[in-house]
C-alpha atoms as a PDB file:
ATOM      1  CA  MET A   1      27.082-116.699  13.227  1.00  0.00           C
ATOM      2  CA  ASP A   2      29.701-119.350  13.926  1.00  0.00           C
ATOM      3  CA  PRO A   3      31.271-119.435  17.443  1.00  0.00           C
ATOM      4  CA  PHE A   4      34.578-117.845  16.220  1.00  0.00           C
ATOM      5  CA  GLU A   5      32.737-114.826  14.757  1.00  0.00           C
ATOM      6  CA  VAL A   6      30.600-114.491  17.852  1.00  0.00           C
ATOM      7  CA  ARG A   7      33.739-114.330  19.953  1.00  0.00           C
ATOM      8  CA  ILE A   8      35.443-111.712  17.696  1.00  0.00           C
ATOM      9  CA  GLN A   9      32.363-109.437  17.790  1.00  0.00           C
ATOM     10  CA  PHE A  10      31.963-109.807  21.549  1.00  0.00           C
ATOM     11  CA  LEU A  11      35.607-108.892  22.152  1.00  0.00           C
ATOM     12  CA  ALA A  12      35.153-105.846  19.989  1.00  0.00           C
ATOM     13  CA  LEU A  13      32.151-104.775  22.017  1.00  0.00           C
ATOM     14  CA  LEU A  14      33.961-105.332  25.296  1.00  0.00           C
ATOM     15  CA  LYS A  15      36.811-103.109  24.040  1.00  0.00           C
ATOM     16  CA  ARG A  16      34.404-100.330  23.232  1.00  0.00           C
ATOM     17  CA  LEU A  17      32.509-100.604  26.493  1.00  0.00           C
ATOM     18  CA  ASN A  18      32.011 -97.488  28.556  1.00  0.00           C
ATOM     19  CA  ALA A  19      29.883 -96.291  31.517  1.00  0.00           C
ATOM     20  CA  SER A  20      26.844 -95.273  29.502  1.00  0.00           C
ATOM     21  CA  GLN A  21      23.714 -97.481  29.884  1.00  0.00           C
ATOM     22  CA  GLN A  22      23.361 -97.585  26.111  1.00  0.00           C
ATOM     23  CA  SER A  23      26.814 -99.208  25.759  1.00  0.00           C
ATOM     24  CA  ILE A  24      26.267-101.575  28.704  1.00  0.00           C
ATOM     25  CA  GLN A  25      22.788-102.772  27.486  1.00  0.00           C
ATOM     26  CA  LYS A  26      24.244-103.441  23.926  1.00  0.00           C
ATOM     27  CA  VAL A  27      26.860-105.785  25.349  1.00  0.00           C
ATOM     28  CA  VAL A  28      24.373-107.452  27.757  1.00  0.00           C
ATOM     29  CA  GLY A  29      21.903-108.028  24.912  1.00  0.00           C
ATOM     30  CA  PHE A  30      24.607-109.599  22.753  1.00  0.00           C
ATOM     31  CA  ALA A  31      25.740-111.893  25.714  1.00  0.00           C
ATOM     32  CA  ILE A  32      22.195-113.060  26.574  1.00  0.00           C
ATOM     33  CA  LYS A  33      21.374-113.718  22.824  1.00  0.00           C
ATOM     34  CA  TYR A  34      24.374-115.988  22.283  1.00  0.00           C
ATOM     35  CA  PHE A  35      24.481-117.680  25.677  1.00  0.00           C
ATOM     36  CA  PRO A  36      22.896-121.075  24.547  1.00  0.00           C
ATOM     37  CA  PRO A  37      25.560-121.749  21.902  1.00  0.00           C
ATOM     38  CA  CYS A  38      28.591-119.801  23.245  1.00  0.00           C
ATOM     39  CA  GLY A  39      28.016-118.953  26.917  1.00  0.00           C
ATOM     40  CA  GLU A  40      31.208-120.496  28.293  1.00  0.00           C
ATOM     41  CA  ASP A  41      33.288-118.976  25.494  1.00  0.00           C
ATOM     42  CA  LEU A  42      31.856-115.534  26.038  1.00  0.00           C
ATOM     43  CA  TRP A  43      32.550-115.741  29.705  1.00  0.00           C
ATOM     44  CA  ASP A  44      36.179-116.644  28.941  1.00  0.00           C
ATOM     45  CA  CYS A  45      36.186-113.344  26.838  1.00  0.00           C
ATOM     46  CA  ILE A  46      35.009-111.405  29.827  1.00  0.00           C
ATOM     47  CA  VAL A  47      37.695-112.869  32.114  1.00  0.00           C
ATOM     48  CA  GLU A  48      40.424-112.320  29.444  1.00  0.00           C
ATOM     49  CA  GLU A  49      39.450-108.702  28.969  1.00  0.00           C
ATOM     50  CA  CYS A  50      39.440-108.229  32.749  1.00  0.00           C
ATOM     51  CA  GLN A  51      43.000-109.395  32.881  1.00  0.00           C
ATOM     52  CA  LYS A  52      44.337-107.459  29.824  1.00  0.00           C
ATOM     53  CA  GLY A  53      42.285-104.254  29.765  1.00  0.00           C
ATOM     54  CA  SER A  54      43.227-100.910  31.351  1.00  0.00           C
ATOM     55  CA  ILE A  55      42.229-100.115  34.939  1.00  0.00           C
ATOM     56  CA  ASN A  56      39.322 -97.956  33.699  1.00  0.00           C
ATOM     57  CA  SER A  57      37.990-100.689  31.292  1.00  0.00           C
ATOM     58  CA  ARG A  58      38.070-103.239  34.115  1.00  0.00           C
ATOM     59  CA  ILE A  59      35.633-101.287  36.309  1.00  0.00           C
ATOM     60  CA  ASN A  60      33.403-100.824  33.295  1.00  0.00           C
ATOM     61  CA  ILE A  61      33.347-104.586  32.921  1.00  0.00           C
ATOM     62  CA  LEU A  62      32.363-105.066  36.610  1.00  0.00           C
ATOM     63  CA  TYR A  63      29.458-102.636  36.170  1.00  0.00           C
ATOM     64  CA  PHE A  64      28.553-104.495  32.959  1.00  0.00           C
ATOM     65  CA  LEU A  65      28.458-107.707  35.020  1.00  0.00           C
ATOM     66  CA  ASP A  66      26.127-106.087  37.503  1.00  0.00           C
ATOM     67  CA  SER A  67      23.647-105.365  34.695  1.00  0.00           C
ATOM     68  CA  LEU A  68      24.275-108.752  33.070  1.00  0.00           C
ATOM     69  CA  CYS A  69      23.410-110.549  36.321  1.00  0.00           C
ATOM     70  CA  GLU A  70      20.257-108.416  36.781  1.00  0.00           C
ATOM     71  CA  THR A  71      19.119-109.283  33.221  1.00  0.00           C
ATOM     72  CA  CYS A  72      19.929-113.054  33.688  1.00  0.00           C
ATOM     73  CA  LEU A  73      17.784-113.114  36.888  1.00  0.00           C
ATOM     74  CA  LEU A  74      14.862-111.430  35.060  1.00  0.00           C
ATOM     75  CA  VAL A  75      15.094-113.926  32.244  1.00  0.00           C
ATOM     76  CA  LYS A  76      15.070-116.842  34.708  1.00  0.00           C
ATOM     77  CA  SER A  77      12.087-115.288  36.539  1.00  0.00           C
ATOM     78  CA  HIS A  78      10.270-114.953  33.288  1.00  0.00           C
ATOM     79  CA  SER A  79      11.007-118.580  32.332  1.00  0.00           C
ATOM     80  CA  ASN A  80       9.698-119.756  35.715  1.00  0.00           C
ATOM     81  CA  SER A  81       6.468-117.786  35.316  1.00  0.00           C
ATOM     82  CA  ILE A  82       5.638-119.439  31.998  1.00  0.00           C
ATOM     83  CA  GLY A  83       6.729-122.931  33.255  1.00  0.00           C
ATOM     84  CA  SER A  84       9.864-123.356  31.097  1.00  0.00           C
ATOM     85  CA  ASP A  85      12.544-123.374  33.935  1.00  0.00           C
ATOM     86  CA  SER A  86      15.969-123.981  32.326  1.00  0.00           C
ATOM     87  CA  GLY A  87      17.505-124.744  35.732  1.00  0.00           C
ATOM     88  CA  THR A  88      20.343-122.273  35.184  1.00  0.00           C
ATOM     89  CA  LYS A  89      20.968-118.586  35.957  1.00  0.00           C
ATOM     90  CA  GLN A  90      23.174-118.225  32.895  1.00  0.00           C
ATOM     91  CA  TYR A  91      26.093-115.913  33.616  1.00  0.00           C
ATOM     92  CA  VAL A  92      25.180-115.540  37.351  1.00  0.00           C
ATOM     93  CA  ASP A  93      26.567-119.013  37.858  1.00  0.00           C
ATOM     94  CA  PHE A  94      29.893-118.046  36.294  1.00  0.00           C
ATOM     95  CA  VAL A  95      29.990-114.894  38.436  1.00  0.00           C
ATOM     96  CA  ASN A  96      29.466-117.005  41.648  1.00  0.00           C
ATOM     97  CA  ARG A  97      32.190-119.346  40.460  1.00  0.00           C
ATOM     98  CA  ASP A  98      34.821-116.769  39.499  1.00  0.00           C
ATOM     99  CA  ILE A  99      33.988-113.757  41.521  1.00  0.00           C
ATOM    100  CA  GLY A 100      37.346-113.942  43.352  1.00  0.00           C
ATOM    101  CA  LYS A 101      39.341-113.953  40.109  1.00  0.00           C
ATOM    102  CA  ILE A 102      37.207-111.099  38.683  1.00  0.00           C
ATOM    103  CA  VAL A 103      37.686-108.802  41.714  1.00  0.00           C
ATOM    104  CA  GLU A 104      41.455-109.581  41.749  1.00  0.00           C
ATOM    105  CA  CYS A 105      41.693-108.328  38.193  1.00  0.00           C
ATOM    106  CA  VAL A 106      39.458-105.337  38.660  1.00  0.00           C
ATOM    107  CA  VAL A 107      41.213-104.266  41.925  1.00  0.00           C
ATOM    108  CA  PRO A 108      44.799-105.353  41.552  1.00  0.00           C
ATOM    109  CA  ALA A 109      47.110-105.168  44.550  1.00  0.00           C
ATOM    110  CA  GLY A 110      49.059-101.942  45.118  1.00  0.00           C
ATOM    111  CA  ARG A 111      48.482 -98.395  44.063  1.00  0.00           C
ATOM    112  CA  GLU A 112      47.181 -99.367  40.595  1.00  0.00           C
ATOM    113  CA  GLY A 113      43.920-100.775  42.078  1.00  0.00           C
ATOM    114  CA  LEU A 114      43.106 -97.884  44.381  1.00  0.00           C
ATOM    115  CA  PRO A 115      40.807 -96.074  41.820  1.00  0.00           C
ATOM    116  CA  ASN A 116      38.542 -99.107  41.474  1.00  0.00           C
ATOM    117  CA  LEU A 117      38.458-100.135  45.193  1.00  0.00           C
ATOM    118  CA  THR A 118      35.477 -98.097  46.325  1.00  0.00           C
ATOM    119  CA  SER A 119      33.357 -98.777  43.277  1.00  0.00           C
ATOM    120  CA  ALA A 120      34.138-102.521  43.457  1.00  0.00           C
ATOM    121  CA  LYS A 121      33.043-102.654  47.139  1.00  0.00           C
ATOM    122  CA  GLN A 122      29.737-100.880  46.297  1.00  0.00           C
ATOM    123  CA  ILE A 123      29.006-103.422  43.538  1.00  0.00           C
ATOM    124  CA  LEU A 124      29.876-106.407  45.942  1.00  0.00           C
ATOM    125  CA  GLU A 125      27.661-104.977  48.696  1.00  0.00           C
ATOM    126  CA  SER A 126      24.842-104.534  46.288  1.00  0.00           C
ATOM    127  CA  TRP A 127      25.157-108.131  45.138  1.00  0.00           C
ATOM    128  CA  ARG A 128      25.131-109.315  48.723  1.00  0.00           C
ATOM    129  CA  SER A 129      22.119-107.358  49.746  1.00  0.00           C
ATOM    130  CA  LYS A 130      20.155-108.478  46.683  1.00  0.00           C
ATOM    131  CA  ARG A 131      21.418-112.070  46.963  1.00  0.00           C
ATOM    132  CA  VAL A 132      22.790-112.015  43.437  1.00  0.00           C
ATOM    133  CA  VAL A 133      25.921-113.850  44.659  1.00  0.00           C
ATOM    134  CA  ASP A 134      26.120-116.029  47.768  1.00  0.00           C
ATOM    135  CA  PRO A 135      26.552-113.590  50.663  1.00  0.00           C
ATOM    136  CA  GLN A 136      29.242-115.717  52.271  1.00  0.00           C
ATOM    137  CA  THR A 137      31.259-115.661  49.092  1.00  0.00           C
ATOM    138  CA  VAL A 138      30.940-111.864  48.891  1.00  0.00           C
ATOM    139  CA  ASP A 139      31.992-111.546  52.575  1.00  0.00           C
ATOM    140  CA  ASP A 140      35.136-113.597  51.825  1.00  0.00           C
ATOM    141  CA  VAL A 141      36.018-111.364  48.855  1.00  0.00           C
ATOM    142  CA  LEU A 142      35.407-108.160  50.859  1.00  0.00           C
ATOM    143  CA  THR A 143      37.462-109.565  53.757  1.00  0.00           C
ATOM    144  CA  ALA A 144      40.378-110.318  51.338  1.00  0.00           C
ATOM    145  CA  LEU A 145      40.183-106.713  50.040  1.00  0.00           C
ATOM    146  CA  GLY A 146      40.072-105.382  53.609  1.00  0.00           C
ATOM    147  CA  LYS A 147      43.277-107.325  54.478  1.00  0.00           C
ATOM    148  CA  ARG A 148      45.356-105.645  51.811  1.00  0.00           C
ATOM    149  CA  THR A 149      48.144-103.525  53.095  1.00  0.00           C
ATOM    150  CA  PRO A 150      47.879 -99.829  51.902  1.00  0.00           C
ATOM    151  CA  PRO A 151      50.781 -98.914  49.543  1.00  0.00           C
ATOM    152  CA  ALA A 152      53.519 -96.929  51.069  1.00  0.00           C
ATOM    153  CA  GLN A 153      53.565 -93.258  50.504  1.00  0.00           C
ATOM    154  CA  SER A 154      56.895 -92.535  48.942  1.00  0.00           C
ATOM    155  CA  GLN A 155      58.078 -88.968  49.003  1.00  0.00           C
ATOM    156  CA  PRO A 156      60.255 -88.034  46.005  1.00  0.00           C
ATOM    157  CA  SER A 157      63.663 -86.436  46.764  1.00  0.00           C
ATOM    158  CA  SER A 158      63.835 -82.771  46.349  1.00  0.00           C
ATOM    159  CA  THR A 159      66.919 -83.313  44.181  1.00  0.00           C
ATOM    160  CA  ALA A 160      65.038 -85.726  41.826  1.00  0.00           C
ATOM    161  CA  PRO A 161      64.362 -84.431  38.297  1.00  0.00           C
ATOM    162  CA  VAL A 162      61.036 -82.548  37.799  1.00  0.00           C
ATOM    163  CA  GLU A 163      59.965 -85.000  35.104  1.00  0.00           C
ATOM    164  CA  HIS A 164      60.406 -87.963  37.423  1.00  0.00           C
ATOM    165  CA  ARG A 165      58.458 -86.368  40.276  1.00  0.00           C
ATOM    166  CA  LYS A 166      55.559 -85.454  37.917  1.00  0.00           C
ATOM    167  CA  SER A 167      55.289 -88.975  36.437  1.00  0.00           C
ATOM    168  CA  SER A 168      55.273 -90.522  39.869  1.00  0.00           C
ATOM    169  CA  HIS A 169      52.226 -88.555  40.880  1.00  0.00           C
ATOM    170  CA  SER A 170      50.194 -88.963  37.668  1.00  0.00           C
ATOM    171  CA  SER A 171      50.061 -92.505  36.311  1.00  0.00           C
ATOM    172  CA  LEU A 172      47.248 -91.653  33.930  1.00  0.00           C
ATOM    173  CA  PRO A 173      47.050 -88.964  31.223  1.00  0.00           C
ATOM    174  CA  ARG A 174      45.004 -86.021  32.059  1.00  0.00           C
ATOM    175  CA  THR A 175      42.281 -86.799  29.520  1.00  0.00           C
ATOM    176  CA  GLU A 176      41.980 -90.224  30.974  1.00  0.00           C
ATOM    177  CA  VAL A 177      41.498 -88.698  34.506  1.00  0.00           C
ATOM    178  CA  PHE A 178      38.740 -86.442  33.465  1.00  0.00           C
ATOM    179  CA  LYS A 179      37.045 -89.247  31.382  1.00  0.00           C
ATOM    180  CA  ARG A 180      37.230 -91.470  34.607  1.00  0.00           C
ATOM    181  CA  ILE A 181      35.564 -88.645  36.666  1.00  0.00           C
ATOM    182  CA  GLU A 182      32.674 -88.435  34.205  1.00  0.00           C
ATOM    183  CA  GLU A 183      32.227 -92.151  34.061  1.00  0.00           C
ATOM    184  CA  ASP A 184      32.250 -92.524  37.820  1.00  0.00           C
ATOM    185  CA  ARG A 185      29.520 -89.909  38.079  1.00  0.00           C
ATOM    186  CA  GLU A 186      27.428 -91.854  35.573  1.00  0.00           C
ATOM    187  CA  ARG A 187      28.023 -95.175  37.346  1.00  0.00           C
ATOM    188  CA  HIS A 188      27.259 -93.951  40.821  1.00  0.00           C
ATOM    189  CA  LYS A 189      24.032 -92.339  39.599  1.00  0.00           C
ATOM    190  CA  ARG A 190      22.882 -95.595  38.140  1.00  0.00           C
ATOM    191  CA  LEU A 191      23.912 -97.633  41.308  1.00  0.00           C
ATOM    192  CA  ARG A 192      21.956 -95.191  43.595  1.00  0.00           C
ATOM    193  CA  GLU A 193      18.833 -95.642  41.350  1.00  0.00           C
ATOM    194  CA  ARG A 194      18.983 -99.430  41.579  1.00  0.00           C
ATOM    195  CA  ARG A 195      20.279 -99.933  45.169  1.00  0.00           C
ATOM    196  CA  TRP A 196      16.832-100.232  46.741  1.00  0.00           C
ATOM    197  CA  VAL A 197      15.461-102.710  44.131  1.00  0.00           C
ATOM    198  CA  GLN A 198      15.160-106.263  45.322  1.00  0.00           C
ATOM    199  CA  PRO A 199      15.172-109.235  42.918  1.00  0.00           C
ATOM    200  CA  VAL A 200      11.650-110.491  42.258  1.00  0.00           C
ATOM    201  CA  MET A 201      11.414-114.154  41.613  1.00  0.00           C
ATOM    202  CA  HIS A 202       8.109-115.980  41.561  1.00  0.00           C
ATOM    203  CA  HIS A 203       6.461-118.812  39.682  1.00  0.00           C
ATOM    204  CA  ALA A 204       2.988-117.311  39.124  1.00  0.00           C
ATOM    205  CA  PRO A 205       2.104-116.043  35.633  1.00  0.00           C
ATOM    206  CA  GLY A 206       1.500-112.374  35.003  1.00  0.00           C
ATOM    207  CA  GLN A 207       3.107-109.202  36.300  1.00  0.00           C
ATOM    208  CA  MET A 208       2.495-109.432  40.046  1.00  0.00           C
ATOM    209  CA  ASN A 209       5.319-107.219  41.344  1.00  0.00           C
ATOM    210  CA  LEU A 210       3.648-106.209  44.622  1.00  0.00           C
ATOM    211  CA  LEU A 211       5.256-107.834  47.634  1.00  0.00           C
ATOM    212  CA  SER A 212       1.853-108.700  49.133  1.00  0.00           C
ATOM    213  CA  PHE A 213       1.008-110.933  46.015  1.00  0.00           C
ATOM    214  CA  LEU A 214       4.266-112.877  46.219  1.00  0.00           C
ATOM    215  CA  PRO A 215       4.535-116.176  48.089  1.00  0.00           C
ATOM    216  CA  LEU A 216       6.006-116.068  51.517  1.00  0.00           C
ATOM    217  CA  THR A 217       8.103-119.162  50.786  1.00  0.00           C
ATOM    218  CA  PHE A 218       8.788-121.514  47.952  1.00  0.00           C
ATOM    219  CA  GLU A 219       8.705-125.333  47.796  1.00  0.00           C
ATOM    220  CA  LYS A 220      11.270-127.241  49.838  1.00  0.00           C
ATOM    221  CA  ASP A 221      13.133-128.475  46.676  1.00  0.00           C
ATOM    222  CA  ASP A 222      13.433-124.921  45.272  1.00  0.00           C
ATOM    223  CA  ASP A 223      16.530-122.886  46.185  1.00  0.00           C
ATOM    224  CA  THR A 224      15.046-119.589  45.191  1.00  0.00           C
ATOM    225  CA  VAL A 225      15.030-116.896  47.852  1.00  0.00           C
ATOM    226  CA  ALA A 226      11.699-115.173  48.335  1.00  0.00           C
ATOM    227  CA  THR A 227      11.793-111.397  48.065  1.00  0.00           C
ATOM    228  CA  VAL A 228      10.155-111.013  51.491  1.00  0.00           C
ATOM    229  CA  ASP A 229      12.970-113.017  52.997  1.00  0.00           C
ATOM    230  CA  VAL A 230      15.577-110.820  51.414  1.00  0.00           C
ATOM    231  CA  GLU A 231      13.962-107.663  52.704  1.00  0.00           C
ATOM    232  CA  PHE A 232      13.561-109.117  56.222  1.00  0.00           C
ATOM    233  CA  ASP A 233      17.229-110.236  56.338  1.00  0.00           C
ATOM    234  CA  ASN A 234      18.414-106.786  55.186  1.00  0.00           C
ATOM    235  CA  ASP A 235      16.225-105.036  57.827  1.00  0.00           C
ATOM    236  CA  TRP A 236      17.244-107.517  60.508  1.00  0.00           C
ATOM    237  CA  GLU A 237      21.056-106.910  59.799  1.00  0.00           C
ATOM    238  CA  THR A 238      20.720-103.084  59.794  1.00  0.00           C
ATOM    239  CA  THR A 239      18.445-102.691  62.862  1.00  0.00           C
ATOM    240  CA  SER A 240      20.128-102.069  66.172  1.00  0.00           C
ATOM    241  CA  ASP A 241      19.435-103.867  69.412  1.00  0.00           C
ATOM    242  CA  TRP A 242      16.741-102.581  71.716  1.00  0.00           C
ATOM    243  CA  ASN A 243      18.349-100.073  74.121  1.00  0.00           C
ATOM    244  CA  GLU A 244      17.438 -97.281  76.627  1.00  0.00           C
ATOM    245  CA  ASP A 245      16.715 -94.757  73.847  1.00  0.00           C
ATOM    246  CA  ASP A 246      14.064 -97.058  72.484  1.00  0.00           C
ATOM    247  CA  ASP A 247      12.517 -97.247  76.000  1.00  0.00           C
ATOM    248  CA  GLU A 248      12.352 -93.497  76.164  1.00  0.00           C
ATOM    249  CA  ALA A 249      10.858 -93.174  72.681  1.00  0.00           C
ATOM    250  CA  ALA A 250       8.225 -95.757  73.478  1.00  0.00           C
ATOM    251  CA  ALA A 251       7.295 -93.960  76.700  1.00  0.00           C
ATOM    252  CA  ASP A 252       7.082 -90.661  74.948  1.00  0.00           C
ATOM    253  CA  GLU A 253       4.835 -92.102  72.240  1.00  0.00           C
ATOM    254  CA  SER A 254       2.654 -93.716  74.953  1.00  0.00           C
ATOM    255  CA  GLU A 255       2.267 -90.430  76.838  1.00  0.00           C
ATOM    256  CA  LEU A 256       1.253 -88.659  73.615  1.00  0.00           C
ATOM    257  CA  CYS A 257      -1.317 -91.320  72.620  1.00  0.00           C
ATOM    258  CA  PHE A 258      -2.729 -91.991  76.086  1.00  0.00           C
ATOM    259  CA  PRO A 259      -2.471 -88.806  78.272  1.00  0.00           C
ATOM    260  CA  ALA A 260      -2.845 -89.168  82.004  1.00  0.00           C
ATOM    261  CA  GLU A 261      -6.107 -88.319  83.702  1.00  0.00           C
ATOM    262  CA  GLY A 262      -6.747 -84.616  83.845  1.00  0.00           C
ATOM    263  CA  GLU A 263      -4.502 -83.737  80.948  1.00  0.00           C
ATOM    264  CA  GLY A 264      -5.746 -82.290  77.695  1.00  0.00           C
ATOM    265  CA  PRO A 265      -6.087 -84.329  74.432  1.00  0.00           C
ATOM    266  CA  MET A 266      -3.112 -85.037  72.266  1.00  0.00           C
ATOM    267  CA  ASP A 267      -2.056 -82.132  69.997  1.00  0.00           C
ATOM    268  CA  LEU A 268      -2.394 -83.463  66.394  1.00  0.00           C
ATOM    269  CA  ASP A 269      -0.834 -80.272  64.835  1.00  0.00           C
END
C-alpha cells in the first residue's frame, strides 16, 4: 500500500477502536507493520484523533498506546536477542516526546476531562513503574494534572426550565454512559492483569524470562534498564523507613525462633 492508503486505513481503525483487546491488538498490529515506511505519519494520525475524537474515544486511544508501547518494547527486546538492534523503540520514542500533548487531549481541562482523569493517572503510573516513559517526565505530567483547579459546582436555579437542568447534569447520552461503564470495566480488568509485569529486556538469545537468568547490569554504553533494577527501585520507593514497629516485630520473631533458656520449643502449628 502507498502511504496515503495506509493513513486512510489507519484512521478508519482508530475511529472504530473500542476497549476490547481484539480491537486494540488489531490496531497495534497495523501500526507495528507499517512503522518502517509510515511511522511518523501514523503517529500524526494518533495525535489528530486524540484532538478530534470524543471523550470516550480519547481514553481508548490512551489504552491503545499502552498496548502499543508494550509491543514495541517486546519487538526491540527480540531484535536485541538476535543481534539486530535497530537503535529505536519505535512508537515509544514518540510517546516520550509528546506525552504532555497526548494527556492534555485525553484529559482536557474542566468538567469534560473528569471521566478520563482516574484512568489516565493509572496508565501514567503504570508507565512510570515499568519505565516505559522517563519517570521524571511522568512525574511532571502528573503534577500538572494535580494542579488543575476542580470545576465549580454550579447549582441550577429552581426557576430554570426542567430541560435546561436535565441537560446540565447529563452531557452524554444514556447509551454512551452505559457503554462507557462497560468499557471501563474491561480496561481496568486488563490493567490489573498487567500491573505486576515488568519489562524484560536482555541481549541473550532464547526465552530466558526468569529474573535469576538475566544480567544484573548492562554495558556502560547501553541505556537499557535491567529488570532487577526496576524491581529494586519500585520496592525501595514503596518500603517505609525502619521504625519502632519493625523493632517489635523483629524482637517477637527472635523470641519465637530462639526461646529463652527453660522455655519450650517454638510452636510450629
